[in-house]
Amino acid sequence: MKSLLKTATAGTITGAVTGSFLHYRHGSPWLLALAITLGTIAYHLTIRLLVGGAVNFVMRNHADYHKKWYQLRPHEERLYGFLRVKQWKGKLPAYEPEWFSPRKHTFDEIAQAMCQSEIVHEINVILSFLPMLASVWFGSFGVFCATSVAAACIDMLFVIVQRYNRPRIVSLAERQKGRSKTPQSV
């Protein structure tokens, strides 16, 4: 997933720059539309890489999953049942799947990585709406709004999965910690 995202980002940036240059040289409106489309996609991909890198640099997968921010709200379990999260949660890709592997990490470490992942996607939801400002210069507010809403919804799927899975992982972490504190029998 990581290499696919980086390749797609580089490709859309290259396409947006090329389309802009060709539009400037030839004045073709479809080249401008192509450049704007690729530029918007490039923004959404780039911002996800930058936010993920910045949050990882700061948090290093260390978070206090007991903090109120990470706790489920009373309505969330009903919402997740209504959305049938259990049926589709496994179909979403992970940027760093090894962060969530019980073979490589304790459940405590996985829960902390889940908190970090949630924060990344929440920031991305907010930043998804910045391209709408470009409609001031380029027009087509509807297109910018639609792509912003679509990008925000995709990130919300990842927030939902992290929040849905975390209580079970925290429970396993607490049990794992309890076992490690019990004295070993001789």
Protein backbone atom coordinates (compact mmCIF):
# COMPACT_ATOMS: atom_id res chain seq x y z
CA MET A 1 0.00 0.00 0.00
CA LYS A 2 2.81 2.40 0.89
CA SER A 3 4.54 2.11 -2.51
CA LEU A 4 1.20 2.36 -4.35
CA LEU A 5 0.31 5.58 -2.53
CA LYS A 6 3.74 7.11 -3.16
CA THR A 7 3.67 6.11 -6.85
CA ALA A 8 0.15 7.49 -7.31
CA THR A 9 1.16 10.74 -5.61
CA ALA A 10 4.21 11.18 -7.84
CA GLY A 11 2.16 10.31 -10.93
CA THR A 12 -0.63 12.78 -10.20
CA ILE A 13 1.83 15.56 -9.37
CA THR A 14 3.68 14.90 -12.64
CA GLY A 15 0.39 14.81 -14.54
CA ALA A 16 -0.85 18.04 -12.97
CA VAL A 17 2.39 19.89 -13.76
CA THR A 18 2.47 18.52 -17.31
CA GLY A 19 -1.20 19.34 -17.88
CA SER A 20 -0.69 22.88 -16.55
CA PHE A 21 2.33 23.42 -18.78
CA LEU A 22 0.52 22.11 -21.86
CA HIS A 23 -2.54 24.23 -21.08
CA TYR A 24 -0.32 27.29 -20.73
CA ARG A 25 1.33 26.52 -24.10
CA HIS A 26 -1.82 25.56 -26.04
CA GLY A 27 -4.71 27.09 -24.09
CA SER A 28 -6.83 23.95 -24.34
CA PRO A 29 -9.70 23.93 -21.79
CA TRP A 30 -9.63 20.14 -21.47
CA LEU A 31 -5.94 20.32 -20.50
CA LEU A 32 -6.87 22.81 -17.79
CA ALA A 33 -9.62 20.46 -16.57
CA LEU A 34 -7.14 17.57 -16.56
CA ALA A 35 -4.52 19.64 -14.69
CA ILE A 36 -7.08 20.73 -12.08
CA THR A 37 -8.36 17.19 -11.61
CA LEU A 38 -4.88 15.71 -11.27
CA GLY A 39 -3.80 18.61 -9.05
CA THR A 40 -6.72 18.04 -6.71
CA ILE A 41 -6.00 14.31 -6.53
CA ALA A 42 -2.31 15.07 -5.99
CA TYR A 43 -3.23 17.38 -3.10
CA HIS A 44 -5.36 14.71 -1.42
CA LEU A 45 -2.65 12.06 -1.77
CA THR A 46 0.23 14.36 -0.79
CA ILE A 47 -1.50 15.69 2.30
CA ARG A 48 -2.12 12.14 3.51
CA LEU A 49 1.56 11.29 3.19
CA LEU A 50 2.65 14.51 4.89
CA VAL A 51 0.16 14.29 7.76
CA GLY A 52 0.96 10.61 8.35
CA GLY A 53 4.69 11.34 8.39
CA ALA A 54 4.33 14.37 10.67
CA VAL A 55 2.08 12.61 13.17
CA ASN A 56 4.35 9.57 13.21
CA PHE A 57 7.38 11.83 13.77
CA VAL A 58 5.66 13.40 16.79
CA MET A 59 3.82 10.41 18.29
CA ARG A 60 6.01 7.44 17.28
CA ASN A 61 3.00 5.17 17.88
CA HIS A 62 2.81 6.23 21.53
CA ALA A 63 -0.59 7.35 22.73
CA ASP A 64 -2.55 7.03 25.93
CA TYR A 65 -5.58 5.10 24.70
CA HIS A 66 -7.26 5.68 28.07
CA LYS A 67 -7.70 9.39 27.28
CA LYS A 68 -11.26 10.55 26.74
CA TRP A 69 -10.66 11.41 23.06
CA TYR A 70 -10.06 7.76 22.23
CA GLN A 71 -13.03 6.38 24.17
CA LEU A 72 -16.23 5.32 22.42
CA ARG A 73 -19.16 7.68 22.83
CA PRO A 74 -22.49 6.12 23.89
CA HIS A 75 -24.01 6.29 20.39
CA GLU A 76 -21.03 4.84 18.53
CA GLU A 77 -21.72 1.15 19.10
CA ARG A 78 -25.24 1.52 17.67
CA LEU A 79 -23.88 3.53 14.74
CA TYR A 80 -21.21 0.92 13.98
CA GLY A 81 -23.84 -1.80 14.11
CA PHE A 82 -26.05 0.18 11.73
CA LEU A 83 -23.10 0.72 9.37
CA ARG A 84 -22.24 -3.01 9.60
CA VAL A 85 -18.59 -2.20 10.22
CA LYS A 86 -17.84 -5.81 11.13
CA GLN A 87 -18.67 -6.92 7.57
CA TRP A 88 -16.38 -4.47 5.72
CA LYS A 89 -13.63 -3.45 8.14
CA GLY A 90 -11.22 -6.12 6.90
CA LYS A 91 -11.42 -4.87 3.32
CA LEU A 92 -9.67 -1.55 4.05
CA PRO A 93 -5.92 -1.47 3.43
CA ALA A 94 -3.38 -0.44 6.04
CA TYR A 95 -0.48 1.87 5.17
CA GLU A 96 1.76 0.12 7.71
CA PRO A 97 0.15 -3.31 8.31
CA GLU A 98 3.04 -4.44 10.52
CA TRP A 99 2.03 -1.81 13.12
CA PHE A 100 -1.13 -3.84 13.72
CA SER A 101 0.43 -7.32 13.74
CA PRO A 102 0.13 -9.27 17.02
CA ARG A 103 3.11 -11.33 15.86
CA LYS A 104 5.35 -8.24 15.90
CA HIS A 105 3.75 -6.10 18.64
CA THR A 106 1.97 -6.38 21.94
CA PHE A 107 -1.71 -5.48 22.05
CA ASP A 108 -0.74 -2.38 24.03
CA GLU A 109 1.51 -1.25 21.17
CA ILE A 110 -1.20 -2.04 18.62
CA ALA A 111 -3.77 0.01 20.57
CA GLN A 112 -1.37 2.95 20.62
CA ALA A 113 -0.78 2.64 16.85
CA MET A 114 -4.55 2.59 16.37
CA CYS A 115 -4.82 5.88 18.27
CA GLN A 116 -2.14 7.42 16.07
CA SER A 117 -3.85 6.16 12.93
CA GLU A 118 -7.15 7.64 14.10
CA ILE A 119 -5.52 11.04 14.67
CA VAL A 120 -3.95 10.98 11.18
CA HIS A 121 -7.27 10.24 9.52
CA GLU A 122 -9.13 12.84 11.61
CA ILE A 123 -6.65 15.53 10.55
CA ASN A 124 -7.02 14.35 6.94
CA VAL A 125 -10.80 14.74 7.17
CA ILE A 126 -10.38 18.40 8.08
CA LEU A 127 -7.70 19.06 5.46
CA SER A 128 -9.84 17.38 2.78
CA PHE A 129 -11.92 20.53 2.55
CA LEU A 130 -9.07 22.96 1.77
CA PRO A 131 -9.23 22.37 -2.02
CA MET A 132 -12.67 23.98 -2.00
CA LEU A 133 -10.85 27.30 -1.66
CA ALA A 134 -9.40 26.72 -5.14
CA SER A 135 -12.88 27.18 -6.57
CA VAL A 136 -12.42 30.92 -5.93
CA TRP A 137 -9.80 30.95 -8.72
CA PHE A 138 -10.92 28.08 -10.93
CA GLY A 139 -14.70 28.02 -10.44
CA SER A 140 -16.37 24.61 -10.42
CA PHE A 141 -17.22 24.74 -6.73
CA GLY A 142 -19.32 21.58 -7.11
CA VAL A 143 -16.36 19.55 -8.37
CA PHE A 144 -14.06 20.74 -5.59
CA CYS A 145 -16.80 20.14 -3.01
CA ALA A 146 -17.54 16.63 -4.32
CA THR A 147 -13.88 15.57 -4.27
CA SER A 148 -13.42 17.06 -0.80
CA VAL A 149 -16.46 15.27 0.59
CA ALA A 150 -15.40 11.99 -1.06
CA ALA A 151 -11.87 12.25 0.38
CA ALA A 152 -13.24 13.10 3.85
CA CYS A 153 -15.65 10.15 3.73
CA ILE A 154 -12.84 7.76 2.82
CA ASP A 155 -10.77 8.96 5.78
CA MET A 156 -13.81 8.66 8.06
CA LEU A 157 -14.03 4.98 7.13
CA PHE A 158 -10.55 4.52 8.60
CA VAL A 159 -11.45 6.52 11.73
CA ILE A 160 -14.52 4.32 12.20
CA VAL A 161 -12.51 1.10 11.84
CA GLN A 162 -9.91 2.26 14.39
CA ARG A 163 -12.61 3.27 16.88
CA TYR A 164 -14.58 0.08 16.26
CA ASN A 165 -11.61 -2.26 16.75
CA ARG A 166 -9.80 -0.48 19.58
CA PRO A 167 -12.01 -1.55 22.54
CA ARG A 168 -11.32 -5.22 21.79
CA ILE A 169 -7.60 -4.57 21.36
CA VAL A 170 -7.49 -2.57 24.62
CA SER A 171 -9.24 -5.43 26.39
CA LEU A 172 -6.63 -7.85 25.05
CA ALA A 173 -3.87 -5.43 26.07
CA GLU A 174 -5.21 -5.24 29.62
CA ARG A 175 -5.37 -9.05 29.82
CA GLN A 176 -1.85 -9.31 28.37
CA LYS A 177 -0.55 -6.82 30.95
CA GLY A 178 -2.31 -8.73 33.73
CA ARG A 179 -0.62 -11.97 32.71
CA SER A 180 2.80 -10.35 32.63
CA LYS A 181 2.32 -9.02 36.19
CA THR A 182 1.40 -12.35 37.71
CA PRO A 183 4.35 -14.15 39.37
CA GLN A 184 5.68 -17.14 37.47
CA SER A 185 5.15 -20.50 39.17
CA VAL A 186 8.28 -22.38 40.09
